[in-house]
């Protein structure tokens, strides 16, 4: 089974872009599907997550919100740990 990591994001969010870039780099070493959802295109997602993005989901379950991945070192560590757990 291939796992899916989803990033809830919106255009212009530099924290979102960093998380997405780090996950794209991790795709080189770990097999998973990466999906990016723009919350500004879904009113219910926007209302729920606009203060929490980026949000990282694993197979539909929220794993990280902005507090856990806002700083580059936390982002790298937490996303790396998440992806390594898929092995």
C-alpha atoms as a PDB file:
ATOM      1  CA  UNK A   1       0.000   0.000   0.000  1.00  0.00           C
ATOM      2  CA  UNK A   2       1.303   3.435  -0.924  1.00  0.00           C
ATOM      3  CA  UNK A   3       0.712   6.021   1.749  1.00  0.00           C
ATOM      4  CA  UNK A   4      -0.558   9.494   0.910  1.00  0.00           C
ATOM      5  CA  UNK A   5       0.778  12.624   2.544  1.00  0.00           C
ATOM      6  CA  UNK A   6      -1.431  15.657   2.029  1.00  0.00           C
ATOM      7  CA  UNK A   7      -0.476  19.258   2.710  1.00  0.00           C
ATOM      8  CA  UNK A   8      -3.288  21.710   3.316  1.00  0.00           C
ATOM      9  CA  UNK A   9      -1.967  24.965   1.973  1.00  0.00           C
ATOM     10  CA  UNK A  10      -2.849  28.205   0.263  1.00  0.00           C
ATOM     11  CA  UNK A  11      -1.114  30.354  -2.303  1.00  0.00           C
ATOM     12  CA  UNK A  12       1.508  32.663  -0.867  1.00  0.00           C
ATOM     13  CA  UNK A  13       2.078  30.706   2.342  1.00  0.00           C
ATOM     14  CA  UNK A  14       5.867  30.466   2.705  1.00  0.00           C
ATOM     15  CA  UNK A  15       5.603  27.921   5.539  1.00  0.00           C
ATOM     16  CA  UNK A  16       3.448  25.739   3.311  1.00  0.00           C
ATOM     17  CA  UNK A  17       5.918  26.048   0.449  1.00  0.00           C
ATOM     18  CA  UNK A  18       8.795  24.990   2.715  1.00  0.00           C
ATOM     19  CA  UNK A  19       6.906  21.912   3.960  1.00  0.00           C
ATOM     20  CA  UNK A  20       5.969  20.946   0.398  1.00  0.00           C
ATOM     21  CA  UNK A  21       9.561  21.394  -0.800  1.00  0.00           C
ATOM     22  CA  UNK A  22      10.906  19.247   2.048  1.00  0.00           C
ATOM     23  CA  UNK A  23       8.375  16.519   1.303  1.00  0.00           C
ATOM     24  CA  UNK A  24       9.288  16.621  -2.397  1.00  0.00           C
ATOM     25  CA  UNK A  25      12.929  16.133  -1.412  1.00  0.00           C
ATOM     26  CA  UNK A  26      11.959  13.155   0.765  1.00  0.00           C
ATOM     27  CA  UNK A  27      10.123  11.587  -2.194  1.00  0.00           C
ATOM     28  CA  UNK A  28      13.547  10.749  -3.620  1.00  0.00           C
ATOM     29  CA  UNK A  29      14.184   8.266  -0.781  1.00  0.00           C
ATOM     30  CA  UNK A  30      10.735   7.184   0.394  1.00  0.00           C
ATOM     31  CA  UNK A  31       7.742   5.991  -1.594  1.00  0.00           C
ATOM     32  CA  UNK A  32       4.570   7.955  -0.861  1.00  0.00           C
ATOM     33  CA  UNK A  33       2.035   9.967  -2.808  1.00  0.00           C
ATOM     34  CA  UNK A  34       2.121  13.714  -2.215  1.00  0.00           C
ATOM     35  CA  UNK A  35      -1.035  15.773  -2.554  1.00  0.00           C
ATOM     36  CA  UNK A  36      -1.381  19.518  -2.049  1.00  0.00           C
ATOM     37  CA  UNK A  37      -4.821  20.971  -1.359  1.00  0.00           C
ATOM     38  CA  UNK A  38      -5.439  24.708  -1.633  1.00  0.00           C
ATOM     39  CA  UNK A  39      -7.849  25.477   1.204  1.00  0.00           C
ATOM     40  CA  UNK A  40      -8.939  28.725  -0.430  1.00  0.00           C
ATOM     41  CA  UNK A  41     -10.824  26.652  -3.004  1.00  0.00           C
ATOM     42  CA  UNK A  42     -12.934  24.842  -0.381  1.00  0.00           C
ATOM     43  CA  UNK A  43     -14.922  27.031   2.023  1.00  0.00           C
ATOM     44  CA  UNK A  44     -15.263  24.359   4.728  1.00  0.00           C
ATOM     45  CA  UNK A  45     -11.506  23.613   4.706  1.00  0.00           C
ATOM     46  CA  UNK A  46     -10.745  27.330   4.710  1.00  0.00           C
ATOM     47  CA  UNK A  47     -12.939  27.970   7.763  1.00  0.00           C
ATOM     48  CA  UNK A  48     -11.448  25.039   9.659  1.00  0.00           C
ATOM     49  CA  UNK A  49      -7.762  25.420   8.772  1.00  0.00           C
ATOM     50  CA  UNK A  50      -6.973  29.017   7.740  1.00  0.00           C
ATOM     51  CA  UNK A  51      -5.107  29.728  11.008  1.00  0.00           C
ATOM     52  CA  UNK A  52      -3.492  26.272  11.175  1.00  0.00           C
ATOM     53  CA  UNK A  53      -1.770  25.893   7.796  1.00  0.00           C
ATOM     54  CA  UNK A  54       0.345  24.239   6.796  1.00  0.00           C
ATOM     55  CA  UNK A  55      -1.382  21.099   7.959  1.00  0.00           C
ATOM     56  CA  UNK A  56       0.224  17.777   7.069  1.00  0.00           C
ATOM     57  CA  UNK A  57      -1.970  14.686   6.868  1.00  0.00           C
ATOM     58  CA  UNK A  58      -0.985  11.064   6.586  1.00  0.00           C
ATOM     59  CA  UNK A  59      -3.611   8.914   4.897  1.00  0.00           C
ATOM     60  CA  UNK A  60      -6.315  11.454   5.766  1.00  0.00           C
ATOM     61  CA  UNK A  61      -5.351  11.933   9.419  1.00  0.00           C
ATOM     62  CA  UNK A  62      -3.994  15.299  10.554  1.00  0.00           C
ATOM     63  CA  UNK A  63      -0.448  14.824  11.886  1.00  0.00           C
ATOM     64  CA  UNK A  64       1.067  18.314  12.069  1.00  0.00           C
ATOM     65  CA  UNK A  65      -0.186  21.869  12.144  1.00  0.00           C
ATOM     66  CA  UNK A  66       1.824  25.042  11.813  1.00  0.00           C
ATOM     67  CA  UNK A  67       3.095  24.926  15.422  1.00  0.00           C
ATOM     68  CA  UNK A  68       4.956  21.660  14.843  1.00  0.00           C
ATOM     69  CA  UNK A  69       6.529  22.628  11.513  1.00  0.00           C
ATOM     70  CA  UNK A  70       6.892  26.433  11.478  1.00  0.00           C
ATOM     71  CA  UNK A  71      10.630  26.478  12.181  1.00  0.00           C
ATOM     72  CA  UNK A  72      12.916  24.910   9.551  1.00  0.00           C
ATOM     73  CA  UNK A  73      14.610  22.507  11.972  1.00  0.00           C
ATOM     74  CA  UNK A  74      11.249  21.334  13.389  1.00  0.00           C
ATOM     75  CA  UNK A  75       9.833  20.961   9.890  1.00  0.00           C
ATOM     76  CA  UNK A  76      12.803  18.881   8.724  1.00  0.00           C
ATOM     77  CA  UNK A  77      12.812  16.686  11.852  1.00  0.00           C
ATOM     78  CA  UNK A  78       9.057  16.086  12.082  1.00  0.00           C
ATOM     79  CA  UNK A  79       8.481  15.494   8.382  1.00  0.00           C
ATOM     80  CA  UNK A  80      11.545  13.239   8.190  1.00  0.00           C
ATOM     81  CA  UNK A  81      10.307  11.199  11.138  1.00  0.00           C
ATOM     82  CA  UNK A  82       6.849  10.922   9.599  1.00  0.00           C
ATOM     83  CA  UNK A  83       8.167   9.730   6.267  1.00  0.00           C
ATOM     84  CA  UNK A  84      10.645   7.298   7.866  1.00  0.00           C
ATOM     85  CA  UNK A  85       7.732   5.722   9.766  1.00  0.00           C
ATOM     86  CA  UNK A  86       6.255   4.633   6.427  1.00  0.00           C
ATOM     87  CA  UNK A  87       8.911   1.964   5.926  1.00  0.00           C
END
